[in-house]
Amino acid sequence: MQQAQNYDDAIAFYTKKLQFTLIEDTDLGGGKRWVQVSPPNSNGTNLLLAQASTQEQSNVIGNQTGGRVFLFLQTNNFWRDYDLMVLNGVVFNEKPRIEEYGIVLVFQDLYGNKWDLLQLNNTTE
């Protein structure tokens, strides 16, 4: 679950910049919605977007993990996805790097949470 400042801004970021699919957007009343997005080619992995409703929740937006990487977006074609993210204006914290386990870089979501874009070795398309 990701805390969001605004449902519509979060939906736009994930669907337009990261090419996620909007799985569900149901009005629950009282300003609350049940919003789920899913990465491309996902087999059931969804991210629940929850708009902050208290000051305590608002305080952690952009830093839900205390400065560590929040989530991993695994791909089987790193360079395709990286190039698309560049075209879509995603903010990167570093350049792609080769590690023992594969290719990785850290990028930010619309609130500054850190994500890894990751292709493990032997998972090319």
Protein backbone atom coordinates (compact mmCIF):
# COMPACT_ATOMS: atom_id res chain seq x y z
CA MET A 1 0.00 0.00 0.00
CA GLN A 2 1.25 3.44 -0.87
CA GLN A 3 0.11 6.60 0.84
CA ALA A 4 -0.86 9.24 -1.73
CA GLN A 5 -1.63 12.95 -1.49
CA ASN A 6 -4.16 12.71 -4.29
CA TYR A 7 -5.72 9.67 -5.95
CA ASP A 8 -5.87 11.15 -9.44
CA ASP A 9 -2.25 12.38 -9.42
CA ALA A 10 -1.06 8.95 -8.27
CA ILE A 11 -3.15 7.15 -10.91
CA ALA A 12 -1.76 9.46 -13.61
CA PHE A 13 1.84 8.84 -12.51
CA TYR A 14 1.55 5.06 -12.45
CA THR A 15 -0.49 4.68 -15.63
CA LYS A 16 1.27 7.30 -17.76
CA LYS A 17 4.86 7.33 -16.54
CA LEU A 18 5.28 3.69 -15.50
CA GLN A 19 2.69 2.16 -17.86
CA PHE A 20 0.83 0.42 -15.02
CA THR A 21 -2.76 -0.67 -15.58
CA LEU A 22 -5.58 0.79 -13.50
CA ILE A 23 -7.19 -2.35 -12.07
CA GLU A 24 -9.84 -0.76 -9.88
CA ASP A 25 -11.07 2.67 -8.86
CA THR A 26 -14.14 2.30 -6.67
CA ASP A 27 -15.74 5.16 -4.74
CA LEU A 28 -16.19 4.09 -1.11
CA GLY A 29 -17.91 7.31 -0.04
CA GLY A 30 -16.66 10.02 2.26
CA GLY A 31 -13.80 10.91 -0.09
CA LYS A 32 -12.30 7.42 0.06
CA ARG A 33 -11.64 5.23 -2.95
CA TRP A 34 -10.31 1.71 -3.47
CA VAL A 35 -7.62 2.23 -6.12
CA GLN A 36 -5.36 -0.54 -7.39
CA VAL A 37 -2.77 -0.35 -10.16
CA SER A 38 -0.69 -3.17 -11.59
CA PRO A 39 2.71 -3.24 -13.33
CA PRO A 40 2.84 -4.22 -17.01
CA ASN A 41 2.74 -7.99 -17.61
CA SER A 42 2.05 -8.64 -13.94
CA ASN A 43 0.69 -11.94 -12.74
CA GLY A 44 -1.53 -10.66 -9.96
CA THR A 45 0.74 -8.08 -8.33
CA ASN A 46 -1.21 -4.93 -7.50
CA LEU A 47 -0.36 -1.75 -5.64
CA LEU A 48 -3.08 -0.23 -3.47
CA LEU A 49 -3.07 3.58 -3.50
CA ALA A 50 -4.51 5.12 -0.34
CA GLN A 51 -5.04 8.85 -0.05
CA ALA A 52 -3.81 10.11 3.31
CA SER A 53 -6.64 11.05 5.63
CA THR A 54 -4.69 12.07 8.76
CA GLN A 55 -1.68 14.28 9.42
CA GLU A 56 0.25 11.22 10.58
CA GLN A 57 -0.37 9.52 7.22
CA SER A 58 0.50 12.70 5.31
CA ASN A 59 3.79 12.97 7.18
CA VAL A 60 5.12 9.71 5.69
CA ILE A 61 4.22 10.42 2.06
CA GLY A 62 7.47 10.21 0.12
CA ASN A 63 9.35 8.54 2.96
CA GLN A 64 7.38 5.44 3.87
CA THR A 65 10.57 3.43 4.39
CA GLY A 66 12.77 5.95 6.16
CA GLY A 67 14.88 6.68 3.07
CA ARG A 68 15.36 3.09 1.92
CA VAL A 69 14.10 1.59 -1.32
CA PHE A 70 10.33 1.18 -1.06
CA LEU A 71 9.54 -1.36 -3.77
CA PHE A 72 11.21 -3.32 -6.57
CA LEU A 73 9.93 -3.22 -10.15
CA GLN A 74 11.38 -6.32 -11.78
CA THR A 75 11.62 -6.50 -15.56
CA ASN A 76 12.85 -8.93 -18.18
CA ASN A 77 13.96 -6.08 -20.46
CA PHE A 78 15.74 -3.42 -18.41
CA TRP A 79 16.82 -1.17 -21.28
CA ARG A 80 13.36 -1.09 -22.91
CA ASP A 81 11.74 -0.08 -19.62
CA TYR A 82 14.52 2.35 -18.69
CA ASP A 83 14.26 4.11 -22.07
CA LEU A 84 10.48 4.40 -21.70
CA MET A 85 10.85 5.81 -18.19
CA VAL A 86 13.36 8.38 -19.49
CA LEU A 87 10.91 9.41 -22.23
CA ASN A 88 8.11 9.69 -19.66
CA GLY A 89 10.13 11.97 -17.37
CA VAL A 90 10.69 9.62 -14.43
CA VAL A 91 13.24 10.98 -11.92
CA PHE A 92 16.32 8.78 -11.39
CA ASN A 93 18.60 8.83 -8.35
CA GLU A 94 21.47 7.21 -10.23
CA LYS A 95 22.59 5.77 -13.53
CA PRO A 96 21.98 2.10 -14.33
CA ARG A 97 24.59 -0.14 -12.78
CA ILE A 98 25.65 -3.73 -13.25
CA GLU A 99 25.65 -5.76 -10.05
CA GLU A 100 26.48 -9.38 -9.36
CA TYR A 101 22.76 -10.23 -9.49
CA GLY A 102 21.77 -8.13 -12.53
CA ILE A 103 21.12 -4.57 -13.74
CA VAL A 104 19.56 -2.06 -11.35
CA LEU A 105 18.91 1.61 -10.73
CA VAL A 106 16.98 3.63 -8.19
CA PHE A 107 14.16 5.90 -9.35
CA GLN A 108 11.53 7.98 -7.58
CA ASP A 109 7.78 7.87 -7.66
CA LEU A 110 5.81 11.11 -7.78
CA TYR A 111 6.27 11.61 -4.02
CA GLY A 112 9.97 10.81 -3.82
CA ASN A 113 9.70 7.22 -2.57
CA LYS A 114 12.62 5.19 -3.88
CA TRP A 115 12.06 2.21 -6.17
CA ASP A 116 14.48 -0.19 -7.83
CA LEU A 117 14.11 -1.00 -11.52
CA LEU A 118 15.71 -4.42 -11.63
CA GLN A 119 16.53 -7.10 -14.17
CA LEU A 120 17.98 -10.20 -12.60
CA ASN A 121 20.60 -12.17 -14.49
CA ASN A 122 19.17 -14.79 -16.88
CA THR A 123 15.78 -13.05 -17.20
CA THR A 124 16.14 -11.39 -20.60
CA GLU A 125 13.31 -11.18 -23.08
